[in-house]
Amino acid sequence: MRSIGFSELLGIVAVALMLAVLTVRGGVAMWMLAARRQRGPMLASRSCAHCKQQIPVLGSFFPLCSQRV
């Protein structure tokens, strides 16, 4: 059984670092995408003309003041 040389050890470390960087970068990209999706519907929300509360994006009836929008 032979031991690994310096060049082989350097290759293993380089591959491990590359995988770690790609994993972190992918996690950051997924976090940014999730944050953008959560912010999206809030920008399109409306407010009720009667009570000034935010109306749900998918709703046409506002339950707090019982008005149809």
C-alpha atoms as a PDB file:
ATOM      1  CA  MET A   1       0.000   0.000   0.000  1.00  0.00           C
ATOM      2  CA  ARG A   2       1.441   3.326  -1.018  1.00  0.00           C
ATOM      3  CA  SER A   3       0.732   6.725   0.500  1.00  0.00           C
ATOM      4  CA  ILE A   4      -0.688   9.589  -1.516  1.00  0.00           C
ATOM      5  CA  GLY A   5       1.627  12.270  -2.777  1.00  0.00           C
ATOM      6  CA  PHE A   6       1.425  16.010  -2.378  1.00  0.00           C
ATOM      7  CA  SER A   7      -0.154  16.572  -5.804  1.00  0.00           C
ATOM      8  CA  GLU A   8      -2.890  14.035  -5.098  1.00  0.00           C
ATOM      9  CA  LEU A   9      -3.552  15.594  -1.697  1.00  0.00           C
ATOM     10  CA  LEU A  10      -3.708  19.017  -3.307  1.00  0.00           C
ATOM     11  CA  GLY A  11      -6.245  17.717  -5.853  1.00  0.00           C
ATOM     12  CA  ILE A  12      -8.449  16.265  -3.118  1.00  0.00           C
ATOM     13  CA  VAL A  13      -8.368  19.521  -1.156  1.00  0.00           C
ATOM     14  CA  ALA A  14      -9.154  21.542  -4.309  1.00  0.00           C
ATOM     15  CA  VAL A  15     -12.170  19.373  -5.113  1.00  0.00           C
ATOM     16  CA  ALA A  16     -13.418  19.591  -1.514  1.00  0.00           C
ATOM     17  CA  LEU A  17     -13.087  23.390  -1.538  1.00  0.00           C
ATOM     18  CA  MET A  18     -14.879  23.639  -4.881  1.00  0.00           C
ATOM     19  CA  LEU A  19     -17.775  21.526  -3.589  1.00  0.00           C
ATOM     20  CA  ALA A  20     -17.990  23.606  -0.408  1.00  0.00           C
ATOM     21  CA  VAL A  21     -18.071  26.872  -2.369  1.00  0.00           C
ATOM     22  CA  LEU A  22     -20.713  25.562  -4.761  1.00  0.00           C
ATOM     23  CA  THR A  23     -22.845  24.321  -1.856  1.00  0.00           C
ATOM     24  CA  VAL A  24     -22.705  27.675  -0.064  1.00  0.00           C
ATOM     25  CA  ARG A  25     -23.344  29.579  -3.280  1.00  0.00           C
ATOM     26  CA  GLY A  26     -26.331  27.366  -4.106  1.00  0.00           C
ATOM     27  CA  GLY A  27     -27.731  27.862  -0.607  1.00  0.00           C
ATOM     28  CA  VAL A  28     -27.417  31.634  -0.910  1.00  0.00           C
ATOM     29  CA  ALA A  29     -29.103  31.571  -4.317  1.00  0.00           C
ATOM     30  CA  MET A  30     -31.993  29.497  -2.959  1.00  0.00           C
ATOM     31  CA  TRP A  31     -32.349  31.820   0.053  1.00  0.00           C
ATOM     32  CA  MET A  32     -32.469  34.892  -2.218  1.00  0.00           C
ATOM     33  CA  LEU A  33     -35.063  33.228  -4.450  1.00  0.00           C
ATOM     34  CA  ALA A  34     -37.232  32.365  -1.447  1.00  0.00           C
ATOM     35  CA  ALA A  35     -36.936  35.913  -0.107  1.00  0.00           C
ATOM     36  CA  ARG A  36     -37.937  37.329  -3.493  1.00  0.00           C
ATOM     37  CA  ARG A  37     -40.975  35.025  -3.661  1.00  0.00           C
ATOM     38  CA  GLN A  38     -42.155  36.100  -0.218  1.00  0.00           C
ATOM     39  CA  ARG A  39     -41.829  39.773  -1.091  1.00  0.00           C
ATOM     40  CA  GLY A  40     -43.601  39.474  -4.459  1.00  0.00           C
ATOM     41  CA  PRO A  41     -47.259  39.122  -3.408  1.00  0.00           C
ATOM     42  CA  MET A  42     -46.926  41.879  -0.812  1.00  0.00           C
ATOM     43  CA  LEU A  43     -46.075  44.380  -3.539  1.00  0.00           C
ATOM     44  CA  ALA A  44     -49.279  43.520  -5.399  1.00  0.00           C
ATOM     45  CA  SER A  45     -51.558  43.797  -2.361  1.00  0.00           C
ATOM     46  CA  ARG A  46     -54.334  46.371  -2.225  1.00  0.00           C
ATOM     47  CA  SER A  47     -55.993  48.182   0.624  1.00  0.00           C
ATOM     48  CA  CYS A  48     -59.701  48.341   1.419  1.00  0.00           C
ATOM     49  CA  ALA A  49     -61.383  51.651   0.577  1.00  0.00           C
ATOM     50  CA  HIS A  50     -63.531  51.397   3.707  1.00  0.00           C
ATOM     51  CA  CYS A  51     -61.149  50.385   6.500  1.00  0.00           C
ATOM     52  CA  LYS A  52     -57.699  50.830   4.843  1.00  0.00           C
ATOM     53  CA  GLN A  53     -56.575  47.298   5.789  1.00  0.00           C
ATOM     54  CA  GLN A  54     -54.624  45.160   3.305  1.00  0.00           C
ATOM     55  CA  ILE A  55     -56.764  42.941   1.106  1.00  0.00           C
ATOM     56  CA  PRO A  56     -55.537  39.395   0.397  1.00  0.00           C
ATOM     57  CA  VAL A  57     -54.105  39.115  -3.113  1.00  0.00           C
ATOM     58  CA  LEU A  58     -56.318  36.202  -4.144  1.00  0.00           C
ATOM     59  CA  GLY A  59     -59.487  37.378  -2.439  1.00  0.00           C
ATOM     60  CA  SER A  60     -62.394  39.406  -3.751  1.00  0.00           C
ATOM     61  CA  PHE A  61     -64.238  39.607  -0.433  1.00  0.00           C
ATOM     62  CA  PHE A  62     -62.670  41.354   2.546  1.00  0.00           C
ATOM     63  CA  PRO A  63     -63.822  39.701   5.773  1.00  0.00           C
ATOM     64  CA  LEU A  64     -62.817  42.445   8.263  1.00  0.00           C
ATOM     65  CA  CYS A  65     -65.285  45.067   7.058  1.00  0.00           C
ATOM     66  CA  SER A  66     -67.556  42.711   5.042  1.00  0.00           C
ATOM     67  CA  GLN A  67     -67.121  44.565   1.763  1.00  0.00           C
ATOM     68  CA  ARG A  68     -66.846  43.043  -1.685  1.00  0.00           C
ATOM     69  CA  VAL A  69     -63.872  44.356  -3.628  1.00  0.00           C
END
